[in-house]
């Protein structure tokens, strides 16, 4: 029964990942990232009743890992400056405007 819950969690997260379209927008954002982050969240809390917590933790970990990959490898210095400044203000409109300008 527990394995069935894990499978349902992973199906939900796989769909969520595909819906974000990060794999298409960010060519380096790999789908296996969800599996790796999910395994980490199961290791952190394997109790079946904490399905929601595993989903949230997996999504947050995938987000952070993708942002880390952007900073480490894939973005130019100019793009990183825009991303950093926008993140500090958390102004998505500013990020979209600056990305269109460049």
PDB file of N, CA and C in Angstrom:
ATOM      1  N   UNK A   1       0.823  -1.192   0.000  1.00  0.00           N
ATOM      2  CA  UNK A   1       0.000   0.000   0.000  1.00  0.00           C
ATOM      3  C   UNK A   1       0.870   1.260   0.000  1.00  0.00           C
ATOM      4  N   UNK A   2       1.959   1.218   0.751  1.00  0.00           N
ATOM      5  CA  UNK A   2       2.848   2.378   0.814  1.00  0.00           C
ATOM      6  C   UNK A   2       3.480   2.630  -0.556  1.00  0.00           C
ATOM      7  N   UNK A   3       3.892   1.572  -1.223  1.00  0.00           N
ATOM      8  CA  UNK A   3       4.484   1.725  -2.543  1.00  0.00           C
ATOM      9  C   UNK A   3       3.493   2.370  -3.512  1.00  0.00           C
ATOM     10  N   UNK A   4       2.224   2.030  -3.405  1.00  0.00           N
ATOM     11  CA  UNK A   4       1.190   2.621  -4.249  1.00  0.00           C
ATOM     12  C   UNK A   4       1.075   4.133  -3.991  1.00  0.00           C
ATOM     13  N   UNK A   5       1.190   4.522  -2.743  1.00  0.00           N
ATOM     14  CA  UNK A   5       1.155   5.952  -2.400  1.00  0.00           C
ATOM     15  C   UNK A   5       2.355   6.661  -3.019  1.00  0.00           C
ATOM     16  N   UNK A   6       3.532   6.058  -2.918  1.00  0.00           N
ATOM     17  CA  UNK A   6       4.730   6.649  -3.520  1.00  0.00           C
ATOM     18  C   UNK A   6       4.579   6.781  -5.035  1.00  0.00           C
ATOM     19  N   UNK A   7       4.021   5.763  -5.662  1.00  0.00           N
ATOM     20  CA  UNK A   7       3.811   5.809  -7.108  1.00  0.00           C
ATOM     21  C   UNK A   7       2.855   6.937  -7.490  1.00  0.00           C
ATOM     22  N   UNK A   8       1.784   7.095  -6.712  1.00  0.00           N
ATOM     23  CA  UNK A   8       0.842   8.196  -6.967  1.00  0.00           C
ATOM     24  C   UNK A   8       1.524   9.553  -6.799  1.00  0.00           C
ATOM     25  N   UNK A   9       2.346   9.669  -5.764  1.00  0.00           N
ATOM     26  CA  UNK A   9       3.093  10.913  -5.546  1.00  0.00           C
ATOM     27  C   UNK A   9       3.987  11.208  -6.744  1.00  0.00           C
ATOM     28  N   UNK A  10       4.703  10.201  -7.202  1.00  0.00           N
ATOM     29  CA  UNK A  10       5.634  10.391  -8.307  1.00  0.00           C
ATOM     30  C   UNK A  10       4.898  10.699  -9.611  1.00  0.00           C
ATOM     31  N   UNK A  11       3.747  10.092  -9.838  1.00  0.00           N
ATOM     32  CA  UNK A  11       2.937  10.411 -11.023  1.00  0.00           C
ATOM     33  C   UNK A  11       2.514  11.879 -10.986  1.00  0.00           C
ATOM     34  N   UNK A  12       2.067  12.318  -9.828  1.00  0.00           N
ATOM     35  CA  UNK A  12       1.652  13.715  -9.669  1.00  0.00           C
ATOM     36  C   UNK A  12       2.824  14.649  -9.955  1.00  0.00           C
ATOM     37  N   UNK A  13       3.995  14.338  -9.397  1.00  0.00           N
ATOM     38  CA  UNK A  13       5.170  15.197  -9.570  1.00  0.00           C
ATOM     39  C   UNK A  13       5.689  15.173 -11.004  1.00  0.00           C
ATOM     40  N   UNK A  14       5.613  14.046 -11.665  1.00  0.00           N
ATOM     41  CA  UNK A  14       6.022  13.982 -13.072  1.00  0.00           C
ATOM     42  C   UNK A  14       5.132  14.860 -13.934  1.00  0.00           C
ATOM     43  N   UNK A  15       3.845  14.822 -13.667  1.00  0.00           N
ATOM     44  CA  UNK A  15       2.910  15.684 -14.393  1.00  0.00           C
ATOM     45  C   UNK A  15       3.186  17.151 -14.079  1.00  0.00           C
ATOM     46  N   UNK A  16       3.419  17.447 -12.815  1.00  0.00           N
ATOM     47  CA  UNK A  16       3.735  18.825 -12.426  1.00  0.00           C
ATOM     48  C   UNK A  16       4.973  19.313 -13.175  1.00  0.00           C
ATOM     49  N   UNK A  17       6.017  18.495 -13.224  1.00  0.00           N
ATOM     50  CA  UNK A  17       7.265  18.870 -13.894  1.00  0.00           C
ATOM     51  C   UNK A  17       7.011  19.145 -15.374  1.00  0.00           C
ATOM     52  N   UNK A  18       6.240  18.272 -16.015  1.00  0.00           N
ATOM     53  CA  UNK A  18       5.942  18.483 -17.433  1.00  0.00           C
ATOM     54  C   UNK A  18       5.119  19.743 -17.637  1.00  0.00           C
ATOM     55  N   UNK A  19       4.200  20.029 -16.732  1.00  0.00           N
ATOM     56  CA  UNK A  19       3.365  21.231 -16.829  1.00  0.00           C
ATOM     57  C   UNK A  19       4.166  22.522 -16.650  1.00  0.00           C
ATOM     58  N   UNK A  20       5.271  22.458 -15.913  1.00  0.00           N
ATOM     59  CA  UNK A  20       6.100  23.656 -15.757  1.00  0.00           C
ATOM     60  C   UNK A  20       6.811  24.002 -17.054  1.00  0.00           C
ATOM     61  N   UNK A  21       6.991  23.019 -17.926  1.00  0.00           N
ATOM     62  CA  UNK A  21       7.668  23.163 -19.213  1.00  0.00           C
ATOM     63  C   UNK A  21       9.129  23.585 -19.064  1.00  0.00           C
ATOM     64  N   UNK A  22       9.705  23.354 -17.905  1.00  0.00           N
ATOM     65  CA  UNK A  22      11.109  23.714 -17.706  1.00  0.00           C
ATOM     66  C   UNK A  22      12.020  22.900 -18.608  1.00  0.00           C
ATOM     67  N   UNK A  23      11.653  21.657 -18.854  1.00  0.00           N
ATOM     68  CA  UNK A  23      12.459  20.809 -19.722  1.00  0.00           C
ATOM     69  C   UNK A  23      12.530  21.349 -21.140  1.00  0.00           C
ATOM     70  N   UNK A  24      11.464  22.014 -21.581  1.00  0.00           N
ATOM     71  CA  UNK A  24      11.444  22.604 -22.923  1.00  0.00           C
ATOM     72  C   UNK A  24      12.074  23.991 -22.929  1.00  0.00           C
ATOM     73  N   UNK A  25      11.798  24.771 -21.912  1.00  0.00           N
ATOM     74  CA  UNK A  25      12.324  26.133 -21.836  1.00  0.00           C
ATOM     75  C   UNK A  25      13.812  26.116 -21.501  1.00  0.00           C
ATOM     76  N   UNK A  26      14.166  25.308 -20.526  1.00  0.00           N
ATOM     77  CA  UNK A  26      15.561  25.178 -20.099  1.00  0.00           C
ATOM     78  C   UNK A  26      16.046  23.803 -20.530  1.00  0.00           C
ATOM     79  N   UNK A  27      16.733  23.747 -21.624  1.00  0.00           N
ATOM     80  CA  UNK A  27      17.142  22.475 -22.201  1.00  0.00           C
ATOM     81  C   UNK A  27      17.917  21.575 -21.257  1.00  0.00           C
ATOM     82  N   UNK A  28      18.595  22.158 -20.273  1.00  0.00           N
ATOM     83  CA  UNK A  28      19.401  21.361 -19.352  1.00  0.00           C
ATOM     84  C   UNK A  28      18.591  20.800 -18.192  1.00  0.00           C
ATOM     85  N   UNK A  29      17.382  21.310 -17.979  1.00  0.00           N
ATOM     86  CA  UNK A  29      16.558  20.858 -16.848  1.00  0.00           C
ATOM     87  C   UNK A  29      16.026  19.472 -17.170  1.00  0.00           C
ATOM     88  N   UNK A  30      16.587  18.511 -16.547  1.00  0.00           N
ATOM     89  CA  UNK A  30      16.296  17.125 -16.886  1.00  0.00           C
ATOM     90  C   UNK A  30      15.138  16.565 -16.061  1.00  0.00           C
ATOM     91  N   UNK A  31      14.409  15.661 -16.680  1.00  0.00           N
ATOM     92  CA  UNK A  31      13.248  15.076 -16.017  1.00  0.00           C
ATOM     93  C   UNK A  31      13.650  14.175 -14.852  1.00  0.00           C
ATOM     94  N   UNK A  32      14.803  13.574 -14.931  1.00  0.00           N
ATOM     95  CA  UNK A  32      15.211  12.674 -13.844  1.00  0.00           C
ATOM     96  C   UNK A  32      15.422  13.432 -12.538  1.00  0.00           C
ATOM     97  N   UNK A  33      15.552  14.756 -12.640  1.00  0.00           N
ATOM     98  CA  UNK A  33      15.699  15.579 -11.444  1.00  0.00           C
ATOM     99  C   UNK A  33      14.542  15.340 -10.478  1.00  0.00           C
ATOM    100  N   UNK A  34      13.330  15.215 -11.009  1.00  0.00           N
ATOM    101  CA  UNK A  34      12.161  14.974 -10.157  1.00  0.00           C
ATOM    102  C   UNK A  34      12.323  13.659  -9.407  1.00  0.00           C
ATOM    103  N   UNK A  35      12.786  12.635 -10.089  1.00  0.00           N
ATOM    104  CA  UNK A  35      12.980  11.336  -9.443  1.00  0.00           C
ATOM    105  C   UNK A  35      14.021  11.445  -8.332  1.00  0.00           C
ATOM    106  N   UNK A  36      15.119  12.131  -8.615  1.00  0.00           N
ATOM    107  CA  UNK A  36      16.167  12.273  -7.606  1.00  0.00           C
ATOM    108  C   UNK A  36      15.661  13.061  -6.396  1.00  0.00           C
ATOM    109  N   UNK A  37      14.970  14.123  -6.646  1.00  0.00           N
ATOM    110  CA  UNK A  37      14.445  14.943  -5.545  1.00  0.00           C
ATOM    111  C   UNK A  37      13.360  14.197  -4.775  1.00  0.00           C
ATOM    112  N   UNK A  38      12.569  13.413  -5.491  1.00  0.00           N
ATOM    113  CA  UNK A  38      11.533  12.629  -4.823  1.00  0.00           C
ATOM    114  C   UNK A  38      12.156  11.583  -3.905  1.00  0.00           C
ATOM    115  N   UNK A  39      13.186  10.890  -4.377  1.00  0.00           N
ATOM    116  CA  UNK A  39      13.852   9.911  -3.521  1.00  0.00           C
ATOM    117  C   UNK A  39      14.416  10.569  -2.271  1.00  0.00           C
ATOM    118  N   UNK A  40      14.940  11.754  -2.437  1.00  0.00           N
ATOM    119  CA  UNK A  40      15.461  12.484  -1.291  1.00  0.00           C
ATOM    120  C   UNK A  40      14.335  12.792  -0.301  1.00  0.00           C
ATOM    121  N   UNK A  41      13.183  13.223  -0.811  1.00  0.00           N
ATOM    122  CA  UNK A  41      12.069  13.555   0.083  1.00  0.00           C
ATOM    123  C   UNK A  41      11.507  12.312   0.770  1.00  0.00           C
ATOM    124  N   UNK A  42      11.525  11.175   0.082  1.00  0.00           N
ATOM    125  CA  UNK A  42      11.079   9.918   0.709  1.00  0.00           C
ATOM    126  C   UNK A  42      12.054   9.530   1.818  1.00  0.00           C
ATOM    127  N   UNK A  43      13.327   9.722   1.565  1.00  0.00           N
ATOM    128  CA  UNK A  43      14.326   9.434   2.597  1.00  0.00           C
ATOM    129  C   UNK A  43      14.166  10.341   3.804  1.00  0.00           C
ATOM    130  N   UNK A  44      13.761  11.570   3.552  1.00  0.00           N
ATOM    131  CA  UNK A  44      13.566  12.522   4.640  1.00  0.00           C
ATOM    132  C   UNK A  44      12.335  12.179   5.460  1.00  0.00           C
ATOM    133  N   UNK A  45      11.241  11.821   4.765  1.00  0.00           N
ATOM    134  CA  UNK A  45      10.011  11.475   5.471  1.00  0.00           C
ATOM    135  C   UNK A  45       9.239  10.426   4.681  1.00  0.00           C
ATOM    136  N   UNK A  46       9.383   9.194   5.085  1.00  0.00           N
ATOM    137  CA  UNK A  46       8.776   8.087   4.349  1.00  0.00           C
ATOM    138  C   UNK A  46       7.381   7.711   4.822  1.00  0.00           C
ATOM    139  N   UNK A  47       6.889   8.355   5.863  1.00  0.00           N
ATOM    140  CA  UNK A  47       5.560   8.018   6.378  1.00  0.00           C
ATOM    141  C   UNK A  47       4.491   8.279   5.317  1.00  0.00           C
ATOM    142  N   UNK A  48       3.625   7.301   5.068  1.00  0.00           N
ATOM    143  CA  UNK A  48       2.631   7.426   3.993  1.00  0.00           C
ATOM    144  C   UNK A  48       1.706   8.638   4.139  1.00  0.00           C
ATOM    145  N   UNK A  49       1.411   9.030   5.358  1.00  0.00           N
ATOM    146  CA  UNK A  49       0.455  10.122   5.558  1.00  0.00           C
ATOM    147  C   UNK A  49       1.025  11.505   5.217  1.00  0.00           C
ATOM    148  N   UNK A  50       2.322  11.572   4.920  1.00  0.00           N
ATOM    149  CA  UNK A  50       2.942  12.859   4.610  1.00  0.00           C
ATOM    150  C   UNK A  50       3.186  13.033   3.109  1.00  0.00           C
ATOM    151  N   UNK A  51       2.255  12.576   2.321  1.00  0.00           N
ATOM    152  CA  UNK A  51       2.341  12.665   0.873  1.00  0.00           C
ATOM    153  C   UNK A  51       2.477  14.120   0.415  1.00  0.00           C
ATOM    154  N   UNK A  52       1.667  15.002   0.952  1.00  0.00           N
ATOM    155  CA  UNK A  52       1.714  16.420   0.564  1.00  0.00           C
ATOM    156  C   UNK A  52       3.083  17.018   0.861  1.00  0.00           C
ATOM    157  N   UNK A  53       3.622  16.706   2.007  1.00  0.00           N
ATOM    158  CA  UNK A  53       4.935  17.210   2.375  1.00  0.00           C
ATOM    159  C   UNK A  53       6.022  16.745   1.424  1.00  0.00           C
ATOM    160  N   UNK A  54       5.951  15.482   0.992  1.00  0.00           N
ATOM    161  CA  UNK A  54       6.926  14.967   0.030  1.00  0.00           C
ATOM    162  C   UNK A  54       6.810  15.696  -1.305  1.00  0.00           C
ATOM    163  N   UNK A  55       5.577  15.967  -1.724  1.00  0.00           N
ATOM    164  CA  UNK A  55       5.369  16.674  -2.991  1.00  0.00           C
ATOM    165  C   UNK A  55       5.945  18.091  -2.922  1.00  0.00           C
ATOM    166  N   UNK A  56       5.675  18.784  -1.844  1.00  0.00           N
ATOM    167  CA  UNK A  56       6.176  20.155  -1.691  1.00  0.00           C
ATOM    168  C   UNK A  56       7.703  20.152  -1.618  1.00  0.00           C
ATOM    169  N   UNK A  57       8.250  19.260  -0.824  1.00  0.00           N
ATOM    170  CA  UNK A  57       9.700  19.192  -0.670  1.00  0.00           C
ATOM    171  C   UNK A  57      10.377  18.848  -1.997  1.00  0.00           C
ATOM    172  N   UNK A  58       9.785  17.937  -2.746  1.00  0.00           N
ATOM    173  CA  UNK A  58      10.339  17.575  -4.053  1.00  0.00           C
ATOM    174  C   UNK A  58      10.318  18.766  -4.997  1.00  0.00           C
ATOM    175  N   UNK A  59       9.210  19.481  -5.050  1.00  0.00           N
ATOM    176  CA  UNK A  59       9.096  20.636  -5.948  1.00  0.00           C
ATOM    177  C   UNK A  59      10.087  21.731  -5.564  1.00  0.00           C
ATOM    178  N   UNK A  60      10.207  22.008  -4.292  1.00  0.00           N
ATOM    179  CA  UNK A  60      11.136  23.051  -3.835  1.00  0.00           C
ATOM    180  C   UNK A  60      12.576  22.649  -4.139  1.00  0.00           C
ATOM    181  N   UNK A  61      12.912  21.393  -3.881  1.00  0.00           N
ATOM    182  CA  UNK A  61      14.268  20.911  -4.140  1.00  0.00           C
ATOM    183  C   UNK A  61      14.585  20.963  -5.634  1.00  0.00           C
ATOM    184  N   UNK A  62      13.622  20.607  -6.478  1.00  0.00           N
ATOM    185  CA  UNK A  62      13.827  20.672  -7.926  1.00  0.00           C
ATOM    186  C   UNK A  62      14.031  22.121  -8.370  1.00  0.00           C
ATOM    187  N   UNK A  63      13.255  23.027  -7.818  1.00  0.00           N
ATOM    188  CA  UNK A  63      13.380  24.453  -8.136  1.00  0.00           C
ATOM    189  C   UNK A  63      14.765  24.971  -7.746  1.00  0.00           C
ATOM    190  N   UNK A  64      15.168  24.678  -6.537  1.00  0.00           N
ATOM    191  CA  UNK A  64      16.469  25.147  -6.048  1.00  0.00           C
ATOM    192  C   UNK A  64      17.611  24.542  -6.864  1.00  0.00           C
ATOM    193  N   UNK A  65      17.523  23.265  -7.178  1.00  0.00           N
ATOM    194  CA  UNK A  65      18.571  22.608  -7.957  1.00  0.00           C
ATOM    195  C   UNK A  65      18.677  23.209  -9.354  1.00  0.00           C
ATOM    196  N   UNK A  66      17.539  23.507  -9.965  1.00  0.00           N
ATOM    197  CA  UNK A  66      17.545  24.108 -11.296  1.00  0.00           C
ATOM    198  C   UNK A  66      18.153  25.507 -11.258  1.00  0.00           C
ATOM    199  N   UNK A  67      17.784  26.305 -10.270  1.00  0.00           N
ATOM    200  CA  UNK A  67      18.361  27.644 -10.122  1.00  0.00           C
ATOM    201  C   UNK A  67      19.869  27.530  -9.889  1.00  0.00           C
ATOM    202  N   UNK A  68      20.279  26.580  -9.080  1.00  0.00           N
ATOM    203  CA  UNK A  68      21.700  26.373  -8.829  1.00  0.00           C
ATOM    204  C   UNK A  68      22.441  26.021 -10.119  1.00  0.00           C
ATOM    205  N   UNK A  69      21.835  25.168 -10.953  1.00  0.00           N
ATOM    206  CA  UNK A  69      22.445  24.814 -12.234  1.00  0.00           C
ATOM    207  C   UNK A  69      22.575  26.041 -13.133  1.00  0.00           C
ATOM    208  N   UNK A  70      21.583  26.905 -13.111  1.00  0.00           N
ATOM    209  CA  UNK A  70      21.643  28.134 -13.911  1.00  0.00           C
ATOM    210  C   UNK A  70      22.849  28.960 -13.476  1.00  0.00           C
ATOM    211  N   UNK A  71      22.989  29.148 -12.177  1.00  0.00           N
ATOM    212  CA  UNK A  71      24.093  29.955 -11.668  1.00  0.00           C
ATOM    213  C   UNK A  71      25.450  29.304 -11.910  1.00  0.00           C
ATOM    214  N   UNK A  72      25.526  28.006 -11.779  1.00  0.00           N
ATOM    215  CA  UNK A  72      26.820  27.322 -11.885  1.00  0.00           C
ATOM    216  C   UNK A  72      27.321  27.179 -13.316  1.00  0.00           C
ATOM    217  N   UNK A  73      26.410  26.943 -14.259  1.00  0.00           N
ATOM    218  CA  UNK A  73      26.884  26.495 -15.557  1.00  0.00           C
ATOM    219  C   UNK A  73      26.303  27.260 -16.748  1.00  0.00           C
ATOM    220  N   UNK A  74      25.030  27.539 -16.742  1.00  0.00           N
ATOM    221  CA  UNK A  74      24.351  27.844 -17.992  1.00  0.00           C
ATOM    222  C   UNK A  74      24.116  29.317 -18.315  1.00  0.00           C
ATOM    223  N   UNK A  75      24.109  30.178 -17.361  1.00  0.00           N
ATOM    224  CA  UNK A  75      23.764  31.578 -17.633  1.00  0.00           C
ATOM    225  C   UNK A  75      25.009  32.426 -17.855  1.00  0.00           C
ATOM    226  N   UNK A  76      24.812  33.495 -18.625  1.00  0.00           N
ATOM    227  CA  UNK A  76      25.889  34.470 -18.795  1.00  0.00           C
ATOM    228  C   UNK A  76      25.916  35.379 -17.574  1.00  0.00           C
ATOM    229  N   UNK A  77      26.984  36.116 -17.429  1.00  0.00           N
ATOM    230  CA  UNK A  77      27.103  37.030 -16.288  1.00  0.00           C
ATOM    231  C   UNK A  77      25.978  38.075 -16.313  1.00  0.00           C
ATOM    232  N   UNK A  78      25.653  38.584 -17.486  1.00  0.00           N
ATOM    233  CA  UNK A  78      24.578  39.578 -17.603  1.00  0.00           C
ATOM    234  C   UNK A  78      23.237  38.975 -17.173  1.00  0.00           C
ATOM    235  N   UNK A  79      22.946  37.764 -17.620  1.00  0.00           N
ATOM    236  CA  UNK A  79      21.701  37.101 -17.237  1.00  0.00           C
ATOM    237  C   UNK A  79      21.653  36.854 -15.734  1.00  0.00           C
ATOM    238  N   UNK A  80      22.782  36.484 -15.146  1.00  0.00           N
ATOM    239  CA  UNK A  80      22.829  36.237 -13.708  1.00  0.00           C
ATOM    240  C   UNK A  80      22.590  37.518 -12.917  1.00  0.00           C
ATOM    241  N   UNK A  81      23.111  38.627 -13.410  1.00  0.00           N
ATOM    242  CA  UNK A  81      22.888  39.901 -12.722  1.00  0.00           C
ATOM    243  C   UNK A  81      21.403  40.260 -12.733  1.00  0.00           C
ATOM    244  N   UNK A  82      20.738  40.084 -13.877  1.00  0.00           N
ATOM    245  CA  UNK A  82      19.299  40.356 -13.977  1.00  0.00           C
ATOM    246  C   UNK A  82      18.524  39.424 -13.052  1.00  0.00           C
ATOM    247  N   UNK A  83      18.861  38.150 -13.087  1.00  0.00           N
ATOM    248  CA  UNK A  83      18.167  37.174 -12.245  1.00  0.00           C
ATOM    249  C   UNK A  83      18.367  37.482 -10.767  1.00  0.00           C
ATOM    250  N   UNK A  84      19.585  37.822 -10.386  1.00  0.00           N
ATOM    251  CA  UNK A  84      19.882  38.119  -8.985  1.00  0.00           C
ATOM    252  C   UNK A  84      19.128  39.358  -8.516  1.00  0.00           C
ATOM    253  N   UNK A  85      19.154  40.413  -9.298  1.00  0.00           N
ATOM    254  CA  UNK A  85      18.459  41.646  -8.909  1.00  0.00           C
ATOM    255  C   UNK A  85      16.947  41.430  -8.847  1.00  0.00           C
ATOM    256  N   UNK A  86      16.401  40.705  -9.813  1.00  0.00           N
ATOM    257  CA  UNK A  86      14.959  40.437  -9.815  1.00  0.00           C
ATOM    258  C   UNK A  86      14.557  39.553  -8.638  1.00  0.00           C
ATOM    259  N   UNK A  87      15.423  38.606  -8.308  1.00  0.00           N
ATOM    260  CA  UNK A  87      15.137  37.728  -7.177  1.00  0.00           C
ATOM    261  C   UNK A  87      15.157  38.505  -5.872  1.00  0.00           C
ATOM    262  N   UNK A  88      16.083  39.426  -5.752  1.00  0.00           N
ATOM    263  CA  UNK A  88      16.147  40.246  -4.531  1.00  0.00           C
ATOM    264  C   UNK A  88      14.855  41.030  -4.333  1.00  0.00           C
ATOM    265  N   UNK A  89      14.305  41.534  -5.431  1.00  0.00           N
ATOM    266  CA  UNK A  89      13.050  42.307  -5.346  1.00  0.00           C
ATOM    267  C   UNK A  89      11.833  41.411  -5.520  1.00  0.00           C
ATOM    268  N   UNK A  90      12.057  40.246  -6.069  1.00  0.00           N
ATOM    269  CA  UNK A  90      11.003  39.282  -6.411  1.00  0.00           C
ATOM    270  C   UNK A  90       9.955  39.939  -7.305  1.00  0.00           C
ATOM    271  N   UNK A  91      10.446  40.611  -8.341  1.00  0.00           N
ATOM    272  CA  UNK A  91       9.592  41.318  -9.285  1.00  0.00           C
ATOM    273  C   UNK A  91       9.645  40.600 -10.627  1.00  0.00           C
ATOM    274  N   UNK A  92       8.678  39.741 -10.878  1.00  0.00           N
ATOM    275  CA  UNK A  92       8.657  38.946 -12.098  1.00  0.00           C
ATOM    276  C   UNK A  92       8.487  39.836 -13.325  1.00  0.00           C
ATOM    277  N   UNK A  93       7.697  40.891 -13.212  1.00  0.00           N
ATOM    278  CA  UNK A  93       7.491  41.796 -14.340  1.00  0.00           C
ATOM    279  C   UNK A  93       8.817  42.414 -14.770  1.00  0.00           C
ATOM    280  N   UNK A  94       9.655  42.765 -13.810  1.00  0.00           N
ATOM    281  CA  UNK A  94      10.961  43.333 -14.119  1.00  0.00           C
ATOM    282  C   UNK A  94      11.828  42.322 -14.852  1.00  0.00           C
ATOM    283  N   UNK A  95      11.807  41.098 -14.431  1.00  0.00           N
ATOM    284  CA  UNK A  95      12.586  40.041 -15.071  1.00  0.00           C
ATOM    285  C   UNK A  95      12.134  39.856 -16.514  1.00  0.00           C
ATOM    286  N   UNK A  96      10.827  39.803 -16.742  1.00  0.00           N
ATOM    287  CA  UNK A  96      10.310  39.621 -18.096  1.00  0.00           C
ATOM    288  C   UNK A  96      10.692  40.805 -18.985  1.00  0.00           C
ATOM    289  N   UNK A  97      10.613  42.007 -18.460  1.00  0.00           N
ATOM    290  CA  UNK A  97      10.967  43.209 -19.225  1.00  0.00           C
ATOM    291  C   UNK A  97      12.429  43.189 -19.617  1.00  0.00           C
ATOM    292  N   UNK A  98      13.308  42.894 -18.683  1.00  0.00           N
ATOM    293  CA  UNK A  98      14.742  42.896 -18.964  1.00  0.00           C
ATOM    294  C   UNK A  98      15.128  41.781 -19.904  1.00  0.00           C
ATOM    295  N   UNK A  99      14.462  40.637 -19.816  1.00  0.00           N
ATOM    296  CA  UNK A  99      14.762  39.536 -20.726  1.00  0.00           C
ATOM    297  C   UNK A  99      14.338  39.887 -22.152  1.00  0.00           C
ATOM    298  N   UNK A 100      13.251  40.626 -22.310  1.00  0.00           N
ATOM    299  CA  UNK A 100      12.807  41.036 -23.629  1.00  0.00           C
ATOM    300  C   UNK A 100      13.729  42.086 -24.223  1.00  0.00           C
ATOM    301  N   UNK A 101      14.318  42.924 -23.373  1.00  0.00           N
ATOM    302  CA  UNK A 101      15.221  43.974 -23.825  1.00  0.00           C
ATOM    303  C   UNK A 101      16.532  43.420 -24.356  1.00  0.00           C
ATOM    304  N   UNK A 102      16.962  42.280 -23.824  1.00  0.00           N
ATOM    305  CA  UNK A 102      18.276  41.761 -24.239  1.00  0.00           C
ATOM    306  C   UNK A 102      18.208  40.850 -25.426  1.00  0.00           C
TER     307      UNK A 102
END
